[in-house]
Amino acid sequence: MNTNINPRHLSHRDLAMLGVQDVAFVKSVRLEDETVYTIHAADGTQMGLSPNRDIAYAAIRQQGMEPVSVH
C-alpha cells in the first residue's frame, strides 16, 4: 500500500474515501430522553447504536477499526 499520498492529487471523492475502512466515529445523541452513542463509518454511514461510549469503542476496535469521537 502506498502511504505517500499527496492529497492535492486526489479527487473530492477519493479524499472522502480515505480512511473509510479504517476509522469509525462515535457520536452521542438523545433518543427517547436517553443519551445513546451512534457508530458511523468515516463516510457518515450509521453502522450501529450503543448504550454507552465504552461499548461503542469496543465494538469498533473489535472490527479492526480506529474509533474517534465527534463532539
N, C-alpha and C. Protein backbone atom coordinates (compact mmCIF):
# COMPACT_ATOMS: atom_id res chain seq x y z
N MET A 1 0.84 -1.17 0.00
CA MET A 1 0.00 0.00 0.00
C MET A 1 0.88 1.24 0.00
N ASN A 2 0.55 2.21 -0.84
CA ASN A 2 1.31 3.45 -0.92
C ASN A 2 0.87 4.39 0.20
N THR A 3 1.76 4.69 1.12
CA THR A 3 1.42 5.58 2.24
C THR A 3 1.83 7.02 1.98
N ASN A 4 2.42 7.29 0.81
CA ASN A 4 2.85 8.64 0.45
C ASN A 4 1.85 9.27 -0.51
N ILE A 5 0.63 9.44 -0.07
CA ILE A 5 -0.42 10.00 -0.91
C ILE A 5 -0.40 11.52 -0.78
N ASN A 6 -0.36 12.20 -1.91
CA ASN A 6 -0.44 13.66 -1.91
C ASN A 6 -1.91 14.04 -2.07
N PRO A 7 -2.53 14.62 -1.03
CA PRO A 7 -3.96 14.94 -1.10
C PRO A 7 -4.30 15.96 -2.20
N ARG A 8 -3.33 16.71 -2.66
CA ARG A 8 -3.59 17.68 -3.73
C ARG A 8 -3.91 16.99 -5.06
N HIS A 9 -3.52 15.72 -5.18
CA HIS A 9 -3.76 14.98 -6.41
C HIS A 9 -4.97 14.06 -6.33
N LEU A 10 -5.74 14.19 -5.28
CA LEU A 10 -6.93 13.35 -5.10
C LEU A 10 -8.19 14.11 -5.51
N SER A 11 -9.14 13.39 -6.06
CA SER A 11 -10.44 14.00 -6.33
C SER A 11 -11.17 14.17 -5.01
N HIS A 12 -12.25 14.94 -5.01
CA HIS A 12 -13.05 15.10 -3.80
C HIS A 12 -13.57 13.75 -3.31
N ARG A 13 -13.99 12.91 -4.23
CA ARG A 13 -14.50 11.58 -3.87
C ARG A 13 -13.40 10.72 -3.25
N ASP A 14 -12.22 10.73 -3.86
CA ASP A 14 -11.10 9.94 -3.32
C ASP A 14 -10.70 10.43 -1.94
N LEU A 15 -10.68 11.74 -1.76
CA LEU A 15 -10.33 12.30 -0.46
C LEU A 15 -11.35 11.87 0.59
N ALA A 16 -12.62 11.89 0.23
CA ALA A 16 -13.67 11.49 1.16
C ALA A 16 -13.57 10.02 1.54
N MET A 17 -13.02 9.20 0.65
CA MET A 17 -12.94 7.76 0.91
C MET A 17 -11.72 7.36 1.74
N LEU A 18 -10.77 8.28 1.95
CA LEU A 18 -9.60 7.95 2.76
C LEU A 18 -10.04 7.58 4.18
N GLY A 19 -9.58 6.46 4.63
CA GLY A 19 -9.88 6.03 5.99
C GLY A 19 -11.23 5.39 6.18
N VAL A 20 -12.03 5.30 5.14
CA VAL A 20 -13.39 4.78 5.30
C VAL A 20 -13.40 3.35 5.83
N GLN A 21 -12.37 2.57 5.52
CA GLN A 21 -12.28 1.20 6.00
C GLN A 21 -11.58 1.09 7.35
N ASP A 22 -10.95 2.17 7.80
CA ASP A 22 -10.10 2.10 8.98
C ASP A 22 -10.59 2.89 10.18
N VAL A 23 -11.47 3.86 9.96
CA VAL A 23 -11.89 4.76 11.03
C VAL A 23 -13.41 4.75 11.15
N ALA A 24 -13.87 4.77 12.38
CA ALA A 24 -15.30 4.94 12.65
C ALA A 24 -15.42 5.99 13.75
N PHE A 25 -16.50 6.74 13.71
CA PHE A 25 -16.67 7.75 14.74
C PHE A 25 -17.90 7.48 15.58
N VAL A 26 -17.83 7.97 16.81
CA VAL A 26 -18.89 7.79 17.79
C VAL A 26 -19.48 9.16 18.09
N LYS A 27 -20.78 9.21 18.09
CA LYS A 27 -21.47 10.47 18.34
C LYS A 27 -22.58 10.23 19.35
N SER A 28 -22.65 11.08 20.37
CA SER A 28 -23.73 10.94 21.34
C SER A 28 -24.98 11.64 20.80
N VAL A 29 -26.12 10.99 21.00
CA VAL A 29 -27.41 11.54 20.57
C VAL A 29 -28.45 11.28 21.65
N ARG A 30 -29.49 12.08 21.65
CA ARG A 30 -30.62 11.87 22.56
C ARG A 30 -31.67 11.04 21.83
N LEU A 31 -32.11 9.98 22.47
CA LEU A 31 -33.13 9.11 21.90
C LEU A 31 -34.09 8.74 23.01
N GLU A 32 -35.32 9.16 22.88
CA GLU A 32 -36.34 8.89 23.90
C GLU A 32 -35.85 9.26 25.30
N ASP A 33 -35.37 10.50 25.44
CA ASP A 33 -34.90 11.07 26.72
C ASP A 33 -33.70 10.35 27.32
N GLU A 34 -32.95 9.61 26.52
CA GLU A 34 -31.72 8.96 26.98
C GLU A 34 -30.58 9.31 26.02
N THR A 35 -29.38 9.36 26.54
CA THR A 35 -28.22 9.53 25.68
C THR A 35 -27.73 8.17 25.23
N VAL A 36 -27.62 8.00 23.92
CA VAL A 36 -27.07 6.77 23.34
C VAL A 36 -25.93 7.19 22.41
N TYR A 37 -25.17 6.22 21.94
CA TYR A 37 -23.99 6.50 21.12
C TYR A 37 -24.12 5.80 19.78
N THR A 38 -24.12 6.59 18.72
CA THR A 38 -24.20 6.02 17.38
C THR A 38 -22.79 5.80 16.85
N ILE A 39 -22.64 4.75 16.08
CA ILE A 39 -21.37 4.40 15.46
C ILE A 39 -21.52 4.60 13.96
N HIS A 40 -20.59 5.38 13.39
CA HIS A 40 -20.65 5.71 11.97
C HIS A 40 -19.34 5.38 11.29
N ALA A 41 -19.42 4.95 10.03
CA ALA A 41 -18.23 4.80 9.21
C ALA A 41 -17.68 6.19 8.91
N ALA A 42 -16.46 6.26 8.44
CA ALA A 42 -15.83 7.55 8.15
C ALA A 42 -16.63 8.37 7.14
N ASP A 43 -17.41 7.71 6.27
CA ASP A 43 -18.21 8.43 5.29
C ASP A 43 -19.56 8.89 5.84
N GLY A 44 -19.81 8.62 7.13
CA GLY A 44 -21.05 9.07 7.76
C GLY A 44 -22.15 8.02 7.83
N THR A 45 -21.96 6.88 7.19
CA THR A 45 -22.96 5.82 7.23
C THR A 45 -23.09 5.28 8.64
N GLN A 46 -24.32 5.27 9.18
CA GLN A 46 -24.51 4.73 10.53
C GLN A 46 -24.39 3.21 10.48
N MET A 47 -23.56 2.68 11.41
CA MET A 47 -23.31 1.24 11.46
C MET A 47 -23.86 0.59 12.71
N GLY A 48 -24.16 1.37 13.74
CA GLY A 48 -24.63 0.76 14.96
C GLY A 48 -25.04 1.78 16.01
N LEU A 49 -25.52 1.25 17.11
CA LEU A 49 -26.01 2.05 18.23
C LEU A 49 -25.59 1.35 19.51
N SER A 50 -25.15 2.12 20.49
CA SER A 50 -24.68 1.54 21.74
C SER A 50 -25.25 2.31 22.92
N PRO A 51 -25.48 1.62 24.03
CA PRO A 51 -26.00 2.31 25.22
C PRO A 51 -24.94 3.16 25.92
N ASN A 52 -23.64 2.88 25.65
CA ASN A 52 -22.61 3.73 26.25
C ASN A 52 -21.38 3.80 25.35
N ARG A 53 -20.56 4.81 25.61
CA ARG A 53 -19.40 5.12 24.78
C ARG A 53 -18.37 3.99 24.80
N ASP A 54 -18.11 3.41 25.96
CA ASP A 54 -17.10 2.36 26.05
C ASP A 54 -17.45 1.15 25.20
N ILE A 55 -18.71 0.76 25.20
CA ILE A 55 -19.14 -0.37 24.38
C ILE A 55 -19.03 -0.02 22.90
N ALA A 56 -19.36 1.20 22.54
CA ALA A 56 -19.24 1.64 21.15
C ALA A 56 -17.78 1.54 20.69
N TYR A 57 -16.86 2.03 21.51
CA TYR A 57 -15.44 1.97 21.16
C TYR A 57 -14.97 0.52 21.06
N ALA A 58 -15.41 -0.32 21.98
CA ALA A 58 -15.01 -1.73 21.95
C ALA A 58 -15.51 -2.42 20.68
N ALA A 59 -16.74 -2.11 20.28
CA ALA A 59 -17.31 -2.70 19.07
C ALA A 59 -16.51 -2.28 17.84
N ILE A 60 -16.11 -1.02 17.79
CA ILE A 60 -15.31 -0.53 16.66
C ILE A 60 -13.96 -1.23 16.62
N ARG A 61 -13.30 -1.31 17.75
CA ARG A 61 -11.98 -1.96 17.80
C ARG A 61 -12.07 -3.44 17.46
N GLN A 62 -13.18 -4.07 17.86
CA GLN A 62 -13.38 -5.49 17.57
C GLN A 62 -13.43 -5.73 16.05
N GLN A 63 -13.84 -4.72 15.31
CA GLN A 63 -13.90 -4.82 13.85
C GLN A 63 -12.59 -4.37 13.17
N GLY A 64 -11.55 -4.12 13.99
CA GLY A 64 -10.25 -3.75 13.45
C GLY A 64 -10.17 -2.31 12.97
N MET A 65 -11.07 -1.47 13.49
CA MET A 65 -11.10 -0.07 13.11
C MET A 65 -10.63 0.81 14.27
N GLU A 66 -10.31 2.05 13.98
CA GLU A 66 -9.89 3.00 15.00
C GLU A 66 -11.06 3.93 15.32
N PRO A 67 -11.49 3.98 16.58
CA PRO A 67 -12.59 4.87 16.95
C PRO A 67 -12.15 6.31 17.20
N VAL A 68 -13.01 7.25 16.84
CA VAL A 68 -12.80 8.66 17.15
C VAL A 68 -14.13 9.24 17.62
N SER A 69 -14.05 10.27 18.45
CA SER A 69 -15.26 10.93 18.95
C SER A 69 -15.60 12.16 18.13
N VAL A 70 -16.87 12.42 18.02
CA VAL A 70 -17.36 13.65 17.40
C VAL A 70 -18.09 14.42 18.48
N HIS A 71 -17.70 15.65 18.67
CA HIS A 71 -18.32 16.46 19.74
C HIS A 71 -19.31 17.41 19.17
